[in-house]
Amino acid sequence: MKSSGSSFYDRIYRLVGMIPPGRVATYGQIARLAGRCSPRNVGYAMSSVPPDSPVPWHRVINSRGRISVRSDGEPCDAQRQMLRSEGIEFGPGGTVDLSVFGWRGPAGEVSNDEQW
């Protein structure tokens, strides 16, 4: 959904930038907070983050608490290493306990209609 322009991705990137080290958010959570997008749109935005960007793309995982597979069908080992370096623990089957490591969202309620 790149046709929505960079402001669409910028809104997603600002939200992801709020996730502190040692916490993760899900694609769906970011989509709900950003409004007018789907978890898949968030995934597209994360895959478009330039390598030199400060956006902590690695802190976004799927709703099962797992690192999503990439286009080659494999999870990203670099993402797992970056999360581990921040203290994120992986349980059986490579899952992150969202009740322990999940980000609770930005302070205050963010409306789906809020303009960024």
N, C-alpha and C. Protein backbone atom coordinates (compact mmCIF):
# COMPACT_ATOMS: atom_id res chain seq x y z
N MET A 1 0.83 -1.19 0.00
CA MET A 1 0.00 0.00 0.00
C MET A 1 0.87 1.25 0.00
N LYS A 2 1.92 1.20 -0.72
CA LYS A 2 2.84 2.31 -0.80
C LYS A 2 2.19 3.53 -1.46
N SER A 3 1.10 3.32 -2.18
CA SER A 3 0.44 4.41 -2.86
C SER A 3 -0.11 5.46 -1.91
N SER A 4 -0.25 5.13 -0.65
CA SER A 4 -0.76 6.10 0.32
C SER A 4 0.27 7.17 0.64
N GLY A 5 1.46 7.02 0.12
CA GLY A 5 2.48 8.04 0.31
C GLY A 5 3.29 7.83 1.57
N SER A 6 4.35 8.61 1.65
CA SER A 6 5.27 8.45 2.77
C SER A 6 4.65 8.83 4.10
N SER A 7 3.64 9.72 4.11
CA SER A 7 3.04 10.10 5.39
C SER A 7 2.36 8.90 6.05
N PHE A 8 1.84 8.00 5.26
CA PHE A 8 1.24 6.76 5.78
C PHE A 8 2.31 5.94 6.50
N TYR A 9 3.42 5.71 5.84
CA TYR A 9 4.52 4.97 6.46
C TYR A 9 5.11 5.75 7.62
N ASP A 10 5.21 7.06 7.48
CA ASP A 10 5.75 7.88 8.57
C ASP A 10 4.93 7.72 9.85
N ARG A 11 3.62 7.64 9.71
CA ARG A 11 2.75 7.44 10.87
C ARG A 11 3.07 6.11 11.55
N ILE A 12 3.25 5.08 10.76
CA ILE A 12 3.62 3.77 11.29
C ILE A 12 5.00 3.83 11.93
N TYR A 13 5.95 4.46 11.25
CA TYR A 13 7.32 4.54 11.77
C TYR A 13 7.38 5.31 13.09
N ARG A 14 6.58 6.36 13.22
CA ARG A 14 6.56 7.11 14.49
C ARG A 14 6.06 6.23 15.63
N LEU A 15 5.03 5.45 15.37
CA LEU A 15 4.52 4.55 16.41
C LEU A 15 5.55 3.50 16.79
N VAL A 16 6.15 2.88 15.79
CA VAL A 16 7.17 1.86 16.06
C VAL A 16 8.35 2.47 16.81
N GLY A 17 8.67 3.71 16.51
CA GLY A 17 9.74 4.40 17.21
C GLY A 17 9.47 4.61 18.69
N MET A 18 8.23 4.50 19.11
CA MET A 18 7.86 4.64 20.52
C MET A 18 8.06 3.36 21.33
N ILE A 19 8.24 2.24 20.65
CA ILE A 19 8.40 0.97 21.36
C ILE A 19 9.77 0.98 22.03
N PRO A 20 9.81 0.88 23.36
CA PRO A 20 11.11 0.95 24.05
C PRO A 20 11.91 -0.34 23.91
N PRO A 21 13.21 -0.25 24.09
CA PRO A 21 14.04 -1.46 24.10
C PRO A 21 13.50 -2.43 25.15
N GLY A 22 13.54 -3.70 24.81
CA GLY A 22 13.07 -4.73 25.73
C GLY A 22 11.59 -5.00 25.64
N ARG A 23 10.91 -4.36 24.69
CA ARG A 23 9.48 -4.55 24.48
C ARG A 23 9.22 -4.84 23.01
N VAL A 24 8.11 -5.49 22.72
CA VAL A 24 7.69 -5.76 21.35
C VAL A 24 6.23 -5.36 21.18
N ALA A 25 5.85 -5.09 19.96
CA ALA A 25 4.46 -4.85 19.59
C ALA A 25 4.13 -5.77 18.43
N THR A 26 2.85 -5.97 18.20
CA THR A 26 2.45 -6.81 17.08
C THR A 26 2.08 -5.93 15.88
N TYR A 27 2.09 -6.55 14.71
CA TYR A 27 1.69 -5.84 13.50
C TYR A 27 0.27 -5.31 13.66
N GLY A 28 -0.62 -6.14 14.22
CA GLY A 28 -2.01 -5.73 14.42
C GLY A 28 -2.15 -4.58 15.38
N GLN A 29 -1.37 -4.59 16.44
CA GLN A 29 -1.40 -3.51 17.43
C GLN A 29 -1.01 -2.18 16.77
N ILE A 30 0.06 -2.21 16.01
CA ILE A 30 0.51 -0.99 15.33
C ILE A 30 -0.54 -0.55 14.31
N ALA A 31 -1.16 -1.49 13.60
CA ALA A 31 -2.20 -1.15 12.63
C ALA A 31 -3.38 -0.47 13.31
N ARG A 32 -3.81 -1.00 14.46
CA ARG A 32 -4.93 -0.39 15.18
C ARG A 32 -4.58 1.02 15.65
N LEU A 33 -3.38 1.20 16.16
CA LEU A 33 -2.97 2.52 16.62
C LEU A 33 -2.81 3.51 15.47
N ALA A 34 -2.30 3.04 14.35
CA ALA A 34 -2.09 3.92 13.20
C ALA A 34 -3.40 4.28 12.53
N GLY A 35 -4.35 3.35 12.55
CA GLY A 35 -5.63 3.59 11.91
C GLY A 35 -5.55 3.47 10.41
N ARG A 36 -6.67 3.07 9.85
CA ARG A 36 -6.82 2.98 8.39
C ARG A 36 -5.76 2.12 7.72
N CYS A 37 -5.32 1.07 8.40
CA CYS A 37 -4.40 0.14 7.76
C CYS A 37 -4.55 -1.24 8.39
N SER A 38 -3.95 -2.20 7.75
CA SER A 38 -4.01 -3.58 8.21
C SER A 38 -2.65 -4.01 8.74
N PRO A 39 -2.61 -5.12 9.47
CA PRO A 39 -1.31 -5.65 9.90
C PRO A 39 -0.36 -5.89 8.72
N ARG A 40 -0.92 -6.29 7.59
CA ARG A 40 -0.09 -6.50 6.40
C ARG A 40 0.55 -5.20 5.94
N ASN A 41 -0.20 -4.10 6.00
CA ASN A 41 0.38 -2.80 5.66
C ASN A 41 1.57 -2.47 6.56
N VAL A 42 1.43 -2.79 7.85
CA VAL A 42 2.52 -2.55 8.79
C VAL A 42 3.72 -3.41 8.41
N GLY A 43 3.46 -4.65 8.01
CA GLY A 43 4.54 -5.52 7.55
C GLY A 43 5.26 -4.95 6.35
N TYR A 44 4.50 -4.43 5.40
CA TYR A 44 5.11 -3.79 4.23
C TYR A 44 5.97 -2.60 4.65
N ALA A 45 5.44 -1.82 5.59
CA ALA A 45 6.21 -0.66 6.06
C ALA A 45 7.51 -1.11 6.73
N MET A 46 7.44 -2.17 7.54
CA MET A 46 8.64 -2.65 8.23
C MET A 46 9.66 -3.19 7.23
N SER A 47 9.18 -3.84 6.17
CA SER A 47 10.12 -4.38 5.18
C SER A 47 10.73 -3.27 4.33
N SER A 48 10.15 -2.08 4.38
CA SER A 48 10.67 -0.94 3.61
C SER A 48 11.60 -0.04 4.41
N VAL A 49 11.84 -0.37 5.68
CA VAL A 49 12.72 0.45 6.50
C VAL A 49 14.14 0.36 5.93
N PRO A 50 14.74 1.49 5.61
CA PRO A 50 16.12 1.47 5.09
C PRO A 50 17.09 0.94 6.15
N PRO A 51 18.17 0.30 5.73
CA PRO A 51 19.12 -0.28 6.67
C PRO A 51 19.71 0.72 7.67
N ASP A 52 19.85 1.97 7.28
CA ASP A 52 20.46 2.96 8.16
C ASP A 52 19.43 3.74 8.98
N SER A 53 18.19 3.29 8.96
CA SER A 53 17.12 3.99 9.66
C SER A 53 17.15 3.71 11.17
N PRO A 54 16.76 4.70 11.97
CA PRO A 54 16.67 4.49 13.41
C PRO A 54 15.37 3.79 13.84
N VAL A 55 14.47 3.51 12.89
CA VAL A 55 13.20 2.86 13.23
C VAL A 55 13.49 1.45 13.74
N PRO A 56 13.04 1.13 14.96
CA PRO A 56 13.32 -0.19 15.53
C PRO A 56 12.38 -1.27 14.99
N TRP A 57 12.45 -1.53 13.71
CA TRP A 57 11.58 -2.48 13.02
C TRP A 57 11.59 -3.86 13.68
N HIS A 58 12.72 -4.20 14.30
CA HIS A 58 12.88 -5.53 14.89
C HIS A 58 11.96 -5.76 16.08
N ARG A 59 11.37 -4.70 16.62
CA ARG A 59 10.49 -4.82 17.79
C ARG A 59 9.04 -5.12 17.41
N VAL A 60 8.78 -5.35 16.13
CA VAL A 60 7.42 -5.68 15.69
C VAL A 60 7.40 -7.15 15.27
N ILE A 61 6.50 -7.90 15.93
CA ILE A 61 6.39 -9.34 15.67
C ILE A 61 4.92 -9.68 15.43
N ASN A 62 4.65 -10.95 15.14
CA ASN A 62 3.26 -11.30 14.84
C ASN A 62 2.45 -11.57 16.10
N SER A 63 1.16 -11.73 15.92
CA SER A 63 0.23 -11.86 17.06
C SER A 63 0.41 -13.16 17.84
N ARG A 64 1.14 -14.10 17.29
CA ARG A 64 1.45 -15.34 18.01
C ARG A 64 2.71 -15.21 18.86
N GLY A 65 3.32 -14.02 18.83
CA GLY A 65 4.54 -13.80 19.58
C GLY A 65 5.77 -14.34 18.88
N ARG A 66 5.67 -14.49 17.58
CA ARG A 66 6.79 -15.04 16.81
C ARG A 66 7.30 -14.03 15.80
N ILE A 67 8.54 -14.23 15.41
CA ILE A 67 9.11 -13.45 14.31
C ILE A 67 8.50 -14.00 13.03
N SER A 68 7.94 -13.12 12.22
CA SER A 68 7.33 -13.55 10.97
C SER A 68 8.38 -13.96 9.96
N VAL A 69 8.01 -14.90 9.11
CA VAL A 69 8.93 -15.34 8.08
C VAL A 69 9.06 -14.27 7.00
N ARG A 70 10.19 -14.24 6.37
CA ARG A 70 10.48 -13.28 5.31
C ARG A 70 10.12 -13.90 3.97
N SER A 71 10.42 -13.17 2.91
CA SER A 71 10.08 -13.63 1.56
C SER A 71 10.75 -14.95 1.20
N ASP A 72 11.86 -15.27 1.87
CA ASP A 72 12.53 -16.54 1.59
C ASP A 72 11.96 -17.69 2.42
N GLY A 73 10.93 -17.40 3.22
CA GLY A 73 10.28 -18.43 4.02
C GLY A 73 10.93 -18.70 5.36
N GLU A 74 11.95 -17.93 5.70
CA GLU A 74 12.68 -18.13 6.96
C GLU A 74 12.50 -16.91 7.86
N PRO A 75 12.47 -17.14 9.20
CA PRO A 75 12.46 -15.98 10.10
C PRO A 75 13.81 -15.27 10.04
N CYS A 76 13.83 -14.03 10.41
CA CYS A 76 15.04 -13.21 10.35
C CYS A 76 15.91 -13.46 11.58
N ASP A 77 17.05 -14.08 11.38
CA ASP A 77 17.97 -14.34 12.50
C ASP A 77 18.48 -13.04 13.11
N ALA A 78 18.70 -12.02 12.27
CA ALA A 78 19.18 -10.73 12.79
C ALA A 78 18.14 -10.13 13.74
N GLN A 79 16.87 -10.28 13.42
CA GLN A 79 15.82 -9.75 14.28
C GLN A 79 15.84 -10.46 15.63
N ARG A 80 15.97 -11.76 15.61
CA ARG A 80 16.04 -12.53 16.85
C ARG A 80 17.25 -12.09 17.69
N GLN A 81 18.39 -11.91 17.06
CA GLN A 81 19.59 -11.48 17.78
C GLN A 81 19.43 -10.09 18.37
N MET A 82 18.81 -9.18 17.62
CA MET A 82 18.61 -7.83 18.12
C MET A 82 17.65 -7.83 19.31
N LEU A 83 16.60 -8.62 19.23
CA LEU A 83 15.66 -8.70 20.36
C LEU A 83 16.33 -9.31 21.58
N ARG A 84 17.09 -10.37 21.37
CA ARG A 84 17.80 -10.99 22.51
C ARG A 84 18.77 -10.00 23.15
N SER A 85 19.42 -9.19 22.33
CA SER A 85 20.38 -8.22 22.89
C SER A 85 19.68 -7.17 23.75
N GLU A 86 18.36 -7.02 23.57
CA GLU A 86 17.58 -6.09 24.39
C GLU A 86 16.93 -6.78 25.59
N GLY A 87 17.21 -8.06 25.75
CA GLY A 87 16.67 -8.79 26.90
C GLY A 87 15.39 -9.55 26.62
N ILE A 88 14.92 -9.55 25.39
CA ILE A 88 13.72 -10.31 25.04
C ILE A 88 14.07 -11.80 25.08
N GLU A 89 13.25 -12.57 25.74
CA GLU A 89 13.46 -14.02 25.84
C GLU A 89 12.49 -14.75 24.93
N PHE A 90 12.98 -15.81 24.32
CA PHE A 90 12.17 -16.66 23.45
C PHE A 90 11.90 -17.97 24.16
N GLY A 91 10.64 -18.34 24.19
CA GLY A 91 10.25 -19.59 24.83
C GLY A 91 10.21 -20.73 23.84
N PRO A 92 9.53 -21.80 24.24
CA PRO A 92 9.39 -22.96 23.35
C PRO A 92 8.80 -22.56 22.00
N GLY A 93 9.36 -23.11 20.96
CA GLY A 93 8.87 -22.82 19.63
C GLY A 93 9.23 -21.44 19.13
N GLY A 94 10.13 -20.75 19.83
CA GLY A 94 10.57 -19.43 19.38
C GLY A 94 9.57 -18.32 19.63
N THR A 95 8.72 -18.48 20.63
CA THR A 95 7.72 -17.45 20.91
C THR A 95 8.17 -16.49 22.01
N VAL A 96 7.69 -15.27 21.90
CA VAL A 96 7.90 -14.24 22.91
C VAL A 96 6.61 -14.14 23.71
N ASP A 97 6.71 -14.14 25.02
CA ASP A 97 5.54 -14.01 25.87
C ASP A 97 5.09 -12.55 25.84
N LEU A 98 4.01 -12.29 25.12
CA LEU A 98 3.53 -10.91 24.97
C LEU A 98 3.02 -10.33 26.28
N SER A 99 2.61 -11.19 27.21
CA SER A 99 2.16 -10.66 28.51
C SER A 99 3.33 -10.14 29.34
N VAL A 100 4.53 -10.59 29.01
CA VAL A 100 5.73 -10.14 29.71
C VAL A 100 6.46 -9.04 28.93
N PHE A 101 6.65 -9.25 27.64
CA PHE A 101 7.47 -8.36 26.83
C PHE A 101 6.67 -7.44 25.92
N GLY A 102 5.35 -7.57 25.92
CA GLY A 102 4.52 -6.75 25.04
C GLY A 102 4.47 -5.30 25.47
N TRP A 103 4.51 -4.42 24.50
CA TRP A 103 4.41 -2.98 24.72
C TRP A 103 2.95 -2.65 24.95
N ARG A 104 2.66 -1.82 25.90
CA ARG A 104 1.28 -1.45 26.23
C ARG A 104 0.76 -0.29 25.41
N GLY A 105 1.58 0.27 24.57
CA GLY A 105 1.14 1.37 23.71
C GLY A 105 1.60 2.71 24.25
N PRO A 106 1.42 3.75 23.43
CA PRO A 106 1.83 5.08 23.86
C PRO A 106 0.95 5.56 25.02
N ALA A 107 1.44 6.49 25.77
CA ALA A 107 0.67 7.05 26.88
C ALA A 107 -0.59 7.69 26.32
N GLY A 108 -1.69 7.37 26.94
CA GLY A 108 -2.97 7.91 26.48
C GLY A 108 -3.55 7.10 25.34
N GLU A 109 -4.76 7.37 25.05
CA GLU A 109 -5.49 6.67 23.99
C GLU A 109 -5.19 7.33 22.65
N VAL A 110 -4.94 6.54 21.64
CA VAL A 110 -4.73 7.06 20.29
C VAL A 110 -5.94 6.65 19.47
N SER A 111 -6.65 7.61 18.97
CA SER A 111 -7.84 7.35 18.16
C SER A 111 -7.43 6.97 16.75
N ASN A 112 -8.21 6.10 16.13
CA ASN A 112 -7.96 5.73 14.73
C ASN A 112 -8.12 6.92 13.81
N ASP A 113 -8.85 7.94 14.23
CA ASP A 113 -9.08 9.11 13.39
C ASP A 113 -8.10 10.24 13.64
N GLU A 114 -7.21 10.05 14.60
CA GLU A 114 -6.26 11.12 14.93
C GLU A 114 -5.34 11.40 13.74
N GLN A 115 -5.12 12.65 13.46
CA GLN A 115 -4.21 13.05 12.39
C GLN A 115 -2.80 13.17 12.93
N TRP A 116 -1.85 12.66 12.21
CA TRP A 116 -0.45 12.69 12.65
C TRP A 116 0.29 13.78 11.96
